[in-house]
PDB file of all heavy atoms in Angstrom:
ATOM      1  N   SER A   1      60.670 139.027 169.486  1.00  0.00           N
ATOM      2  CA  SER A   1      60.289 138.054 170.519  1.00  0.00           C
ATOM      3  C   SER A   1      58.778 138.069 170.650  1.00  0.00           C
ATOM      4  O   SER A   1      58.127 139.106 170.499  1.00  0.00           O
ATOM      5  CB  SER A   1      60.937 138.390 171.864  1.00  0.00           C
ATOM      6  OG  SER A   1      60.377 139.564 172.423  1.00  0.00           O
ATOM      7  N   SER A   2      58.206 136.903 170.907  1.00  0.00           N
ATOM      8  CA  SER A   2      56.758 136.806 171.048  1.00  0.00           C
ATOM      9  C   SER A   2      56.401 135.481 171.700  1.00  0.00           C
ATOM     10  O   SER A   2      57.118 134.491 171.557  1.00  0.00           O
ATOM     11  CB  SER A   2      56.070 136.907 169.683  1.00  0.00           C
ATOM     12  OG  SER A   2      54.666 136.772 169.815  1.00  0.00           O
ATOM     13  N   HIS A   3      55.270 135.470 172.423  1.00  0.00           N
ATOM     14  CA  HIS A   3      54.715 134.233 172.954  1.00  0.00           C
ATOM     15  C   HIS A   3      53.624 133.679 172.039  1.00  0.00           C
ATOM     16  O   HIS A   3      53.082 132.601 172.300  1.00  0.00           O
ATOM     17  CB  HIS A   3      54.136 134.469 174.356  1.00  0.00           C
ATOM     18  CG  HIS A   3      55.181 134.724 175.400  1.00  0.00           C
ATOM     19  ND1 HIS A   3      55.264 135.908 176.100  1.00  0.00           N
ATOM     20  CD2 HIS A   3      56.210 133.959 175.830  1.00  0.00           C
ATOM     21  CE1 HIS A   3      56.288 135.850 176.937  1.00  0.00           C
ATOM     22  NE2 HIS A   3      56.875 134.687 176.788  1.00  0.00           N
ATOM     23  N   ILE A   4      53.295 134.421 170.971  1.00  0.00           N
ATOM     24  CA  ILE A   4      52.265 133.977 170.037  1.00  0.00           C
ATOM     25  C   ILE A   4      52.969 133.214 168.921  1.00  0.00           C
ATOM     26  O   ILE A   4      53.277 133.752 167.849  1.00  0.00           O
ATOM     27  CB  ILE A   4      51.463 135.176 169.495  1.00  0.00           C
ATOM     28  CG1 ILE A   4      50.957 136.043 170.652  1.00  0.00           C
ATOM     29  CG2 ILE A   4      50.285 134.688 168.652  1.00  0.00           C
ATOM     30  CD1 ILE A   4      50.316 137.345 170.207  1.00  0.00           C
ATOM     31  N   LEU A   5      53.232 131.936 169.162  1.00  0.00           N
ATOM     32  CA  LEU A   5      54.098 131.168 168.280  1.00  0.00           C
ATOM     33  C   LEU A   5      53.463 130.875 166.932  1.00  0.00           C
ATOM     34  O   LEU A   5      54.166 130.760 165.926  1.00  0.00           O
ATOM     35  CB  LEU A   5      54.511 129.861 168.964  1.00  0.00           C
ATOM     36  CG  LEU A   5      55.218 130.027 170.317  1.00  0.00           C
ATOM     37  CD1 LEU A   5      55.766 128.692 170.787  1.00  0.00           C
ATOM     38  CD2 LEU A   5      56.345 131.049 170.228  1.00  0.00           C
ATOM     39  N   THR A   6      52.146 130.755 166.879  1.00  0.00           N
ATOM     40  CA  THR A   6      51.498 130.497 165.596  1.00  0.00           C
ATOM     41  C   THR A   6      51.725 131.657 164.632  1.00  0.00           C
ATOM     42  O   THR A   6      51.893 131.448 163.421  1.00  0.00           O
ATOM     43  CB  THR A   6      49.989 130.267 165.784  1.00  0.00           C
ATOM     44  OG1 THR A   6      49.429 131.363 166.536  1.00  0.00           O
ATOM     45  CG2 THR A   6      49.729 128.968 166.529  1.00  0.00           C
ATOM     46  N   GLU A   7      51.744 132.873 165.150  1.00  0.00           N
ATOM     47  CA  GLU A   7      51.969 134.031 164.293  1.00  0.00           C
ATOM     48  C   GLU A   7      53.423 134.116 163.849  1.00  0.00           C
ATOM     49  O   GLU A   7      53.720 134.506 162.715  1.00  0.00           O
ATOM     50  CB  GLU A   7      51.526 135.305 164.997  1.00  0.00           C
ATOM     51  CG  GLU A   7      50.030 135.356 165.238  1.00  0.00           C
ATOM     52  CD  GLU A   7      49.548 136.732 165.633  1.00  0.00           C
ATOM     53  OE1 GLU A   7      50.398 137.593 165.926  1.00  0.00           O
ATOM     54  OE2 GLU A   7      48.322 136.944 165.641  1.00  0.00           O
ATOM     55  N   LEU A   8      54.347 133.765 164.730  1.00  0.00           N
ATOM     56  CA  LEU A   8      55.755 133.749 164.332  1.00  0.00           C
ATOM     57  C   LEU A   8      55.971 132.767 163.180  1.00  0.00           C
ATOM     58  O   LEU A   8      56.757 133.028 162.268  1.00  0.00           O
ATOM     59  CB  LEU A   8      56.645 133.376 165.518  1.00  0.00           C
ATOM     60  CG  LEU A   8      56.836 134.417 166.616  1.00  0.00           C
ATOM     61  CD1 LEU A   8      57.819 133.902 167.659  1.00  0.00           C
ATOM     62  CD2 LEU A   8      57.317 135.746 166.053  1.00  0.00           C
ATOM     63  N   SER A   9      55.279 131.638 163.249  1.00  0.00           N
ATOM     64  CA  SER A   9      55.425 130.630 162.194  1.00  0.00           C
ATOM     65  C   SER A   9      55.066 131.194 160.827  1.00  0.00           C
ATOM     66  O   SER A   9      55.638 130.802 159.807  1.00  0.00           O
ATOM     67  CB  SER A   9      54.538 129.412 162.480  1.00  0.00           C
ATOM     68  OG  SER A   9      54.907 128.778 163.670  1.00  0.00           O
ATOM     69  N   GLU A  10      54.114 132.137 160.795  1.00  0.00           N
ATOM     70  CA  GLU A  10      53.625 132.669 159.530  1.00  0.00           C
ATOM     71  C   GLU A  10      54.555 133.704 158.916  1.00  0.00           C
ATOM     72  O   GLU A  10      54.521 133.912 157.699  1.00  0.00           O
ATOM     73  CB  GLU A  10      52.234 133.283 159.731  1.00  0.00           C
ATOM     74  CG  GLU A  10      51.172 132.272 160.124  1.00  0.00           C
ATOM     75  CD  GLU A  10      49.820 132.924 160.332  1.00  0.00           C
ATOM     76  OE1 GLU A  10      49.679 134.116 159.981  1.00  0.00           O
ATOM     77  OE2 GLU A  10      48.914 132.257 160.844  1.00  0.00           O
ATOM     78  N   ILE A  11      55.374 134.373 159.729  1.00  0.00           N
ATOM     79  CA  ILE A  11      56.174 135.479 159.190  1.00  0.00           C
ATOM     80  C   ILE A  11      57.677 135.272 159.279  1.00  0.00           C
ATOM     81  O   ILE A  11      58.425 135.968 158.594  1.00  0.00           O
ATOM     82  CB  ILE A  11      55.823 136.814 159.895  1.00  0.00           C
ATOM     83  CG1 ILE A  11      56.145 136.739 161.394  1.00  0.00           C
ATOM     84  CG2 ILE A  11      54.375 137.189 159.662  1.00  0.00           C
ATOM     85  CD1 ILE A  11      56.046 138.073 162.092  1.00  0.00           C
ATOM     86  N   CYS A  12      58.130 134.319 160.091  1.00  0.00           N
ATOM     87  CA  CYS A  12      59.565 134.219 160.358  1.00  0.00           C
ATOM     88  C   CYS A  12      60.300 133.321 159.369  1.00  0.00           C
ATOM     89  O   CYS A  12      59.784 132.299 158.926  1.00  0.00           O
ATOM     90  CB  CYS A  12      59.810 133.693 161.777  1.00  0.00           C
ATOM     91  SG  CYS A  12      59.421 134.903 163.050  1.00  0.00           S
ATOM     92  N   ASP A  13      61.513 133.732 159.043  1.00  0.00           N
ATOM     93  CA  ASP A  13      62.411 132.905 158.225  1.00  0.00           C
ATOM     94  C   ASP A  13      63.192 131.924 159.093  1.00  0.00           C
ATOM     95  O   ASP A  13      63.665 130.901 158.602  1.00  0.00           O
ATOM     96  CB  ASP A  13      63.398 133.799 157.474  1.00  0.00           C
ATOM     97  CG  ASP A  13      62.686 134.808 156.594  1.00  0.00           C
ATOM     98  OD1 ASP A  13      62.127 134.392 155.571  1.00  0.00           O
ATOM     99  OD2 ASP A  13      62.697 136.007 156.936  1.00  0.00           O
ATOM    100  N   GLY A  14      63.336 132.257 160.371  1.00  0.00           N
ATOM    101  CA  GLY A  14      64.071 131.393 161.292  1.00  0.00           C
ATOM    102  C   GLY A  14      63.638 131.653 162.716  1.00  0.00           C
ATOM    103  O   GLY A  14      62.850 132.573 162.987  1.00  0.00           O
ATOM    104  N   ALA A  15      64.124 130.839 163.640  1.00  0.00           N
ATOM    105  CA  ALA A  15      63.742 130.984 165.040  1.00  0.00           C
ATOM    106  C   ALA A  15      64.890 130.581 165.956  1.00  0.00           C
ATOM    107  O   ALA A  15      65.755 129.782 165.584  1.00  0.00           O
ATOM    108  CB  ALA A  15      62.498 130.152 165.359  1.00  0.00           C
ATOM    109  N   LEU A  16      64.864 131.154 167.156  1.00  0.00           N
ATOM    110  CA  LEU A  16      65.859 130.887 168.195  1.00  0.00           C
ATOM    111  C   LEU A  16      65.113 130.546 169.469  1.00  0.00           C
ATOM    112  O   LEU A  16      64.191 131.268 169.862  1.00  0.00           O
ATOM    113  CB  LEU A  16      66.730 132.133 168.427  1.00  0.00           C
ATOM    114  CG  LEU A  16      67.273 132.833 167.184  1.00  0.00           C
ATOM    115  CD1 LEU A  16      67.495 134.310 167.456  1.00  0.00           C
ATOM    116  CD2 LEU A  16      68.567 132.177 166.743  1.00  0.00           C
ATOM    117  N   PHE A  17      65.491 129.462 170.126  1.00  0.00           N
ATOM    118  CA  PHE A  17      64.836 129.028 171.356  1.00  0.00           C
ATOM    119  C   PHE A  17      65.811 129.171 172.515  1.00  0.00           C
ATOM    120  O   PHE A  17      66.924 128.633 172.474  1.00  0.00           O
ATOM    121  CB  PHE A  17      64.375 127.576 171.231  1.00  0.00           C
ATOM    122  CG  PHE A  17      63.306 127.372 170.201  1.00  0.00           C
ATOM    123  CD1 PHE A  17      63.636 127.189 168.869  1.00  0.00           C
ATOM    124  CD2 PHE A  17      61.968 127.376 170.559  1.00  0.00           C
ATOM    125  CE1 PHE A  17      62.656 127.015 167.910  1.00  0.00           C
ATOM    126  CE2 PHE A  17      60.980 127.203 169.601  1.00  0.00           C
ATOM    127  CZ  PHE A  17      61.321 127.019 168.275  1.00  0.00           C
ATOM    128  N   ILE A  18      65.389 129.894 173.549  1.00  0.00           N
ATOM    129  CA  ILE A  18      66.259 130.177 174.683  1.00  0.00           C
ATOM    130  C   ILE A  18      65.545 129.841 175.982  1.00  0.00           C
ATOM    131  O   ILE A  18      64.324 130.011 176.097  1.00  0.00           O
ATOM    132  CB  ILE A  18      66.695 131.671 174.660  1.00  0.00           C
ATOM    133  CG1 ILE A  18      67.710 131.973 175.761  1.00  0.00           C
ATOM    134  CG2 ILE A  18      65.497 132.584 174.744  1.00  0.00           C
ATOM    135  CD1 ILE A  18      68.275 133.388 175.687  1.00  0.00           C
ATOM    136  N   GLU A  19      66.287 129.327 176.950  1.00  0.00           N
ATOM    137  CA  GLU A  19      65.747 129.054 178.278  1.00  0.00           C
ATOM    138  C   GLU A  19      66.874 129.157 179.288  1.00  0.00           C
ATOM    139  O   GLU A  19      67.984 128.670 179.053  1.00  0.00           O
ATOM    140  CB  GLU A  19      65.107 127.666 178.331  1.00  0.00           C
ATOM    141  CG  GLU A  19      64.388 127.391 179.655  1.00  0.00           C
ATOM    142  CD  GLU A  19      63.610 126.077 179.625  1.00  0.00           C
ATOM    143  OE1 GLU A  19      64.163 125.080 179.097  1.00  0.00           O
ATOM    144  OE2 GLU A  19      62.480 126.037 180.125  1.00  0.00           O
ATOM    145  N   ARG A  20      66.589 129.835 180.402  1.00  0.00           N
ATOM    146  CA  ARG A  20      67.566 130.041 181.467  1.00  0.00           C
ATOM    147  C   ARG A  20      68.890 130.599 180.931  1.00  0.00           C
ATOM    148  O   ARG A  20      69.977 130.229 181.351  1.00  0.00           O
ATOM    149  CB  ARG A  20      67.820 128.738 182.237  1.00  0.00           C
ATOM    150  CG  ARG A  20      66.580 128.174 182.923  1.00  0.00           C
ATOM    151  CD  ARG A  20      66.928 127.105 183.916  1.00  0.00           C
ATOM    152  NE  ARG A  20      67.623 127.670 185.073  1.00  0.00           N
ATOM    153  CZ  ARG A  20      68.142 126.950 186.065  1.00  0.00           C
ATOM    154  NH1 ARG A  20      68.057 125.628 186.030  1.00  0.00           N
ATOM    155  NH2 ARG A  20      68.755 127.537 187.067  1.00  0.00           N
ATOM    156  N   GLY A  21      68.778 131.501 179.975  1.00  0.00           N
ATOM    157  CA  GLY A  21      69.947 132.181 179.443  1.00  0.00           C
ATOM    158  C   GLY A  21      70.726 131.423 178.398  1.00  0.00           C
ATOM    159  O   GLY A  21      71.682 131.952 177.829  1.00  0.00           O
ATOM    160  N   ARG A  22      70.335 130.169 178.112  1.00  0.00           N
ATOM    161  CA  ARG A  22      71.071 129.352 177.143  1.00  0.00           C
ATOM    162  C   ARG A  22      70.269 129.191 175.859  1.00  0.00           C
ATOM    163  O   ARG A  22      69.054 128.975 175.896  1.00  0.00           O
ATOM    164  CB  ARG A  22      71.387 127.978 177.723  1.00  0.00           C
ATOM    165  CG  ARG A  22      72.484 127.980 178.775  1.00  0.00           C
ATOM    166  CD  ARG A  22      72.930 126.562 179.111  1.00  0.00           C
ATOM    167  NE  ARG A  22      74.086 126.537 179.978  1.00  0.00           N
ATOM    168  CZ  ARG A  22      75.348 126.656 179.565  1.00  0.00           C
ATOM    169  NH1 ARG A  22      75.596 126.791 178.269  1.00  0.00           N
ATOM    170  NH2 ARG A  22      76.349 126.624 180.417  1.00  0.00           N
ATOM    171  N   LEU A  23      70.964 129.264 174.734  1.00  0.00           N
ATOM    172  CA  LEU A  23      70.333 129.025 173.448  1.00  0.00           C
ATOM    173  C   LEU A  23      70.226 127.520 173.237  1.00  0.00           C
ATOM    174  O   LEU A  23      71.219 126.811 173.168  1.00  0.00           O
ATOM    175  CB  LEU A  23      71.168 129.662 172.328  1.00  0.00           C
ATOM    176  CG  LEU A  23      70.497 129.787 170.971  1.00  0.00           C
ATOM    177  CD1 LEU A  23      69.281 130.711 171.047  1.00  0.00           C
ATOM    178  CD2 LEU A  23      71.483 130.315 169.931  1.00  0.00           C
ATOM    179  N   LEU A  24      68.993 127.029 173.141  1.00  0.00           N
ATOM    180  CA  LEU A  24      68.749 125.592 173.040  1.00  0.00           C
ATOM    181  C   LEU A  24      68.715 125.101 171.599  1.00  0.00           C
ATOM    182  O   LEU A  24      69.131 123.972 171.310  1.00  0.00           O
ATOM    183  CB  LEU A  24      67.423 125.237 173.723  1.00  0.00           C
ATOM    184  CG  LEU A  24      67.266 125.650 175.182  1.00  0.00           C
ATOM    185  CD1 LEU A  24      65.878 125.265 175.682  1.00  0.00           C
ATOM    186  CD2 LEU A  24      68.341 125.028 176.048  1.00  0.00           C
ATOM    187  N   LYS A  25      68.190 125.932 170.717  1.00  0.00           N
ATOM    188  CA  LYS A  25      68.021 125.504 169.328  1.00  0.00           C
ATOM    189  C   LYS A  25      67.895 126.743 168.463  1.00  0.00           C
ATOM    190  O   LYS A  25      67.302 127.742 168.876  1.00  0.00           O
ATOM    191  CB  LYS A  25      66.766 124.634 169.206  1.00  0.00           C
ATOM    192  CG  LYS A  25      66.682 123.786 167.939  1.00  0.00           C
ATOM    193  CD  LYS A  25      65.435 122.910 167.995  1.00  0.00           C
ATOM    194  CE  LYS A  25      65.389 121.896 166.874  1.00  0.00           C
ATOM    195  NZ  LYS A  25      66.413 120.857 166.984  1.00  0.00           N
ATOM    196  N   ALA A  26      68.432 126.683 167.247  1.00  0.00           N
ATOM    197  CA  ALA A  26      68.346 127.812 166.327  1.00  0.00           C
ATOM    198  C   ALA A  26      68.443 127.296 164.903  1.00  0.00           C
ATOM    199  O   ALA A  26      69.072 126.266 164.641  1.00  0.00           O
ATOM    200  CB  ALA A  26      69.465 128.819 166.606  1.00  0.00           C
ATOM    201  N   GLY A  27      67.815 127.996 163.976  1.00  0.00           N
ATOM    202  CA  GLY A  27      67.922 127.602 162.583  1.00  0.00           C
ATOM    203  C   GLY A  27      66.857 128.238 161.727  1.00  0.00           C
ATOM    204  O   GLY A  27      65.977 128.964 162.215  1.00  0.00           O
ATOM    205  N   LEU A  28      66.942 127.979 160.433  1.00  0.00           N
ATOM    206  CA  LEU A  28      65.915 128.430 159.505  1.00  0.00           C
ATOM    207  C   LEU A  28      64.623 127.661 159.754  1.00  0.00           C
ATOM    208  O   LEU A  28      64.646 126.509 160.189  1.00  0.00           O
ATOM    209  CB  LEU A  28      66.382 128.234 158.068  1.00  0.00           C
ATOM    210  CG  LEU A  28      67.566 129.104 157.629  1.00  0.00           C
ATOM    211  CD1 LEU A  28      68.056 128.670 156.261  1.00  0.00           C
ATOM    212  CD2 LEU A  28      67.187 130.579 157.614  1.00  0.00           C
ATOM    213  N   MET A  29      63.485 128.283 159.452  1.00  0.00           N
ATOM    214  CA  MET A  29      62.196 127.693 159.786  1.00  0.00           C
ATOM    215  C   MET A  29      61.997 126.339 159.118  1.00  0.00           C
ATOM    216  O   MET A  29      61.522 125.386 159.743  1.00  0.00           O
ATOM    217  CB  MET A  29      61.078 128.657 159.388  1.00  0.00           C
ATOM    218  CG  MET A  29      59.745 128.330 159.995  1.00  0.00           C
ATOM    219  SD  MET A  29      59.756 128.491 161.802  1.00  0.00           S
ATOM    220  CE  MET A  29      59.910 130.258 161.967  1.00  0.00           C
ATOM    221  N   ASP A  30      62.354 126.240 157.839  1.00  0.00           N
ATOM    222  CA  ASP A  30      62.177 124.966 157.132  1.00  0.00           C
ATOM    223  C   ASP A  30      62.958 123.843 157.798  1.00  0.00           C
ATOM    224  O   ASP A  30      62.468 122.715 157.929  1.00  0.00           O
ATOM    225  CB  ASP A  30      62.608 125.109 155.668  1.00  0.00           C
ATOM    226  CG  ASP A  30      61.633 125.949 154.859  1.00  0.00           C
ATOM    227  OD1 ASP A  30      60.515 126.180 155.349  1.00  0.00           O
ATOM    228  OD2 ASP A  30      62.002 126.385 153.753  1.00  0.00           O
ATOM    229  N   GLU A  31      64.183 124.155 158.221  1.00  0.00           N
ATOM    230  CA  GLU A  31      65.013 123.139 158.872  1.00  0.00           C
ATOM    231  C   GLU A  31      64.418 122.729 160.219  1.00  0.00           C
ATOM    232  O   GLU A  31      64.376 121.536 160.560  1.00  0.00           O
ATOM    233  CB  GLU A  31      66.429 123.681 159.086  1.00  0.00           C
ATOM    234  CG  GLU A  31      67.174 123.988 157.794  1.00  0.00           C
ATOM    235  CD  GLU A  31      68.479 124.713 158.043  1.00  0.00           C
ATOM    236  OE1 GLU A  31      68.739 125.069 159.219  1.00  0.00           O
ATOM    237  OE2 GLU A  31      69.239 124.921 157.081  1.00  0.00           O
ATOM    238  N   LEU A  32      63.950 123.703 160.983  1.00  0.00           N
ATOM    239  CA  LEU A  32      63.383 123.407 162.299  1.00  0.00           C
ATOM    240  C   LEU A  32      62.132 122.552 162.182  1.00  0.00           C
ATOM    241  O   LEU A  32      61.943 121.596 162.938  1.00  0.00           O
ATOM    242  CB  LEU A  32      63.055 124.709 163.033  1.00  0.00           C
ATOM    243  CG  LEU A  32      64.242 125.579 163.459  1.00  0.00           C
ATOM    244  CD1 LEU A  32      63.754 126.932 163.952  1.00  0.00           C
ATOM    245  CD2 LEU A  32      65.068 124.886 164.535  1.00  0.00           C
ATOM    246  N   LEU A  33      61.270 122.897 161.222  1.00  0.00           N
ATOM    247  CA  LEU A  33      60.030 122.144 161.052  1.00  0.00           C
ATOM    248  C   LEU A  33      60.303 120.742 160.513  1.00  0.00           C
ATOM    249  O   LEU A  33      59.619 119.787 160.870  1.00  0.00           O
ATOM    250  CB  LEU A  33      59.084 122.892 160.123  1.00  0.00           C
ATOM    251  CG  LEU A  33      58.568 124.238 160.642  1.00  0.00           C
ATOM    252  CD1 LEU A  33      57.649 124.893 159.624  1.00  0.00           C
ATOM    253  CD2 LEU A  33      57.849 124.079 161.978  1.00  0.00           C
ATOM    254  N   ARG A  34      61.309 120.618 159.672  1.00  0.00           N
ATOM    255  CA  ARG A  34      61.664 119.299 159.153  1.00  0.00           C
ATOM    256  C   ARG A  34      62.185 118.398 160.275  1.00  0.00           C
ATOM    257  O   ARG A  34      61.832 117.233 160.373  1.00  0.00           O
ATOM    258  CB  ARG A  34      62.715 119.433 158.051  1.00  0.00           C
ATOM    259  CG  ARG A  34      63.008 118.129 157.326  1.00  0.00           C
ATOM    260  CD  ARG A  34      63.716 118.377 156.008  1.00  0.00           C
ATOM    261  NE  ARG A  34      64.914 119.177 156.151  1.00  0.00           N
ATOM    262  CZ  ARG A  34      65.052 120.414 155.674  1.00  0.00           C
ATOM    263  NH1 ARG A  34      64.045 120.991 155.037  1.00  0.00           N
ATOM    264  NH2 ARG A  34      66.178 121.083 155.832  1.00  0.00           N
ATOM    265  N   GLU A  35      62.997 118.969 161.161  1.00  0.00           N
ATOM    266  CA  GLU A  35      63.471 118.207 162.322  1.00  0.00           C
ATOM    267  C   GLU A  35      62.320 117.881 163.257  1.00  0.00           C
ATOM    268  O   GLU A  35      62.270 116.812 163.854  1.00  0.00           O
ATOM    269  CB  GLU A  35      64.542 119.014 163.074  1.00  0.00           C
ATOM    270  CG  GLU A  35      65.842 119.175 162.306  1.00  0.00           C
ATOM    271  CD  GLU A  35      66.821 120.055 163.055  1.00  0.00           C
ATOM    272  OE1 GLU A  35      66.524 120.403 164.218  1.00  0.00           O
ATOM    273  OE2 GLU A  35      67.867 120.386 162.477  1.00  0.00           O
ATOM    274  N   GLY A  36      61.356 118.838 163.370  1.00  0.00           N
ATOM    275  CA  GLY A  36      60.212 118.623 164.256  1.00  0.00           C
ATOM    276  C   GLY A  36      59.325 117.481 163.810  1.00  0.00           C
ATOM    277  O   GLY A  36      58.574 116.913 164.606  1.00  0.00           O
ATOM    278  N   ARG A  37      59.410 117.106 162.518  1.00  0.00           N
ATOM    279  CA  ARG A  37      58.597 115.996 162.022  1.00  0.00           C
ATOM    280  C   ARG A  37      59.013 114.657 162.616  1.00  0.00           C
ATOM    281  O   ARG A  37      58.325 113.653 162.460  1.00  0.00           O
ATOM    282  CB  ARG A  37      58.689 115.935 160.493  1.00  0.00           C
ATOM    283  CG  ARG A  37      57.906 117.035 159.795  1.00  0.00           C
ATOM    284  CD  ARG A  37      58.182 117.003 158.286  1.00  0.00           C
ATOM    285  NE  ARG A  37      57.781 115.734 157.715  1.00  0.00           N
ATOM    286  CZ  ARG A  37      56.580 115.451 157.261  1.00  0.00           C
ATOM    287  NH1 ARG A  37      55.621 116.350 157.347  1.00  0.00           N
ATOM    288  NH2 ARG A  37      56.305 114.277 156.717  1.00  0.00           N
ATOM    289  N   LYS A  38      60.163 114.603 163.300  1.00  0.00           N
ATOM    290  CA  LYS A  38      60.596 113.352 163.916  1.00  0.00           C
ATOM    291  C   LYS A  38      59.696 112.974 165.090  1.00  0.00           C
ATOM    292  O   LYS A  38      59.680 111.821 165.521  1.00  0.00           O
ATOM    293  CB  LYS A  38      62.047 113.469 164.387  1.00  0.00           C
ATOM    294  CG  LYS A  38      63.039 113.638 163.237  1.00  0.00           C
ATOM    295  CD  LYS A  38      64.453 113.795 163.757  1.00  0.00           C
ATOM    296  CE  LYS A  38      65.435 113.982 162.614  1.00  0.00           C
ATOM    297  NZ  LYS A  38      66.823 114.174 163.091  1.00  0.00           N
ATOM    298  N   HIS A  39      58.990 113.949 165.615  1.00  0.00           N
ATOM    299  CA  HIS A  39      58.035 113.693 166.695  1.00  0.00           C
ATOM    300  C   HIS A  39      56.700 114.260 166.243  1.00  0.00           C
ATOM    301  O   HIS A  39      56.472 115.460 166.335  1.00  0.00           O
ATOM    302  CB  HIS A  39      58.488 114.338 168.001  1.00  0.00           C
ATOM    303  CG  HIS A  39      59.786 113.811 168.507  1.00  0.00           C
ATOM    304  ND1 HIS A  39      60.999 114.255 168.050  1.00  0.00           N
ATOM    305  CD2 HIS A  39      60.050 112.854 169.431  1.00  0.00           C
ATOM    306  CE1 HIS A  39      61.971 113.608 168.676  1.00  0.00           C
ATOM    307  NE2 HIS A  39      61.427 112.754 169.509  1.00  0.00           N
ATOM    308  N   ARG A  40      55.826 113.405 165.741  1.00  0.00           N
ATOM    309  CA  ARG A  40      54.560 113.845 165.172  1.00  0.00           C
ATOM    310  C   ARG A  40      53.406 113.590 166.128  1.00  0.00           C
ATOM    311  O   ARG A  40      53.386 112.592 166.850  1.00  0.00           O
ATOM    312  CB  ARG A  40      54.299 113.117 163.846  1.00  0.00           C
ATOM    313  CG  ARG A  40      55.362 113.316 162.784  1.00  0.00           C
ATOM    314  CD  ARG A  40      55.362 114.728 162.237  1.00  0.00           C
ATOM    315  NE  ARG A  40      54.092 115.064 161.627  1.00  0.00           N
ATOM    316  CZ  ARG A  40      53.749 114.716 160.386  1.00  0.00           C
ATOM    317  NH1 ARG A  40      54.578 114.006 159.646  1.00  0.00           N
ATOM    318  NH2 ARG A  40      52.579 115.058 159.886  1.00  0.00           N
ATOM    319  N   THR A  41      52.441 114.493 166.103  1.00  0.00           N
ATOM    320  CA  THR A  41      51.224 114.331 166.880  1.00  0.00           C
ATOM    321  C   THR A  41      50.075 114.029 165.929  1.00  0.00           C
ATOM    322  O   THR A  41      49.917 114.695 164.903  1.00  0.00           O
ATOM    323  CB  THR A  41      50.909 115.589 167.698  1.00  0.00           C
ATOM    324  OG1 THR A  41      51.979 115.833 168.605  1.00  0.00           O
ATOM    325  CG2 THR A  41      49.608 115.425 168.477  1.00  0.00           C
ATOM    326  N   VAL A  42      49.276 113.016 166.276  1.00  0.00           N
ATOM    327  CA  VAL A  42      48.140 112.621 165.455  1.00  0.00           C
ATOM    328  C   VAL A  42      46.860 112.822 166.267  1.00  0.00           C
ATOM    329  O   VAL A  42      46.774 112.399 167.427  1.00  0.00           O
ATOM    330  CB  VAL A  42      48.243 111.144 165.022  1.00  0.00           C
ATOM    331  CG1 VAL A  42      47.086 110.782 164.104  1.00  0.00           C
ATOM    332  CG2 VAL A  42      49.581 110.890 164.321  1.00  0.00           C
ATOM    333  N   ILE A  43      45.879 113.475 165.648  1.00  0.00           N
ATOM    334  CA  ILE A  43      44.572 113.671 166.276  1.00  0.00           C
ATOM    335  C   ILE A  43      43.661 112.531 165.805  1.00  0.00           C
ATOM    336  O   ILE A  43      43.454 112.351 164.595  1.00  0.00           O
ATOM    337  CB  ILE A  43      43.950 115.016 165.870  1.00  0.00           C
ATOM    338  CG1 ILE A  43      44.959 116.157 166.031  1.00  0.00           C
ATOM    339  CG2 ILE A  43      42.672 115.265 166.653  1.00  0.00           C
ATOM    340  CD1 ILE A  43      45.461 116.338 167.437  1.00  0.00           C
ATOM    341  N   VAL A  44      43.133 111.754 166.755  1.00  0.00           N
ATOM    342  CA  VAL A  44      42.281 110.611 166.424  1.00  0.00           C
ATOM    343  C   VAL A  44      40.925 110.795 167.102  1.00  0.00           C
ATOM    344  O   VAL A  44      40.845 110.922 168.329  1.00  0.00           O
ATOM    345  CB  VAL A  44      42.906 109.281 166.889  1.00  0.00           C
ATOM    346  CG1 VAL A  44      42.049 108.104 166.403  1.00  0.00           C
ATOM    347  CG2 VAL A  44      44.337 109.142 166.391  1.00  0.00           C
ATOM    348  N   ARG A  45      39.856 110.809 166.289  1.00  0.00           N
ATOM    349  CA  ARG A  45      38.500 110.876 166.842  1.00  0.00           C
ATOM    350  C   ARG A  45      37.830 109.522 166.580  1.00  0.00           C
ATOM    351  O   ARG A  45      37.808 109.014 165.457  1.00  0.00           O
ATOM    352  CB  ARG A  45      37.698 112.002 166.190  1.00  0.00           C
ATOM    353  CG  ARG A  45      38.273 113.396 166.464  1.00  0.00           C
ATOM    354  CD  ARG A  45      37.372 114.478 165.910  1.00  0.00           C
ATOM    355  NE  ARG A  45      36.106 114.496 166.624  1.00  0.00           N
ATOM    356  CZ  ARG A  45      34.981 115.008 166.118  1.00  0.00           C
ATOM    357  NH1 ARG A  45      34.965 115.473 164.873  1.00  0.00           N
ATOM    358  NH2 ARG A  45      33.872 115.005 166.818  1.00  0.00           N
ATOM    359  N   THR A  46      37.301 108.950 167.625  1.00  0.00           N
ATOM    360  CA  THR A  46      36.766 107.594 167.555  1.00  0.00           C
ATOM    361  C   THR A  46      35.290 107.553 167.947  1.00  0.00           C
ATOM    362  O   THR A  46      34.802 108.425 168.675  1.00  0.00           O
ATOM    363  CB  THR A  46      37.566 106.665 168.499  1.00  0.00           C
ATOM    364  OG1 THR A  46      36.995 105.361 168.465  1.00  0.00           O
ATOM    365  CG2 THR A  46      37.563 107.178 169.934  1.00  0.00           C
TER     366      THR A  46
END
C-alpha cells in the first residue's frame, strides 16, 4: 500500500483501488492503464 502512486506505477504488475471498505477496481497494470485512456488529459500552453 502506498500514497505515492507514481512510484507504484513503476514497479507494480497490478493494482487494487479501495474506498470505504469496498473494492472499486482491480486488475493488471496494462489493463487498468488501457481503460484509463478512455478519459485523457491534454496539457495546452497558449
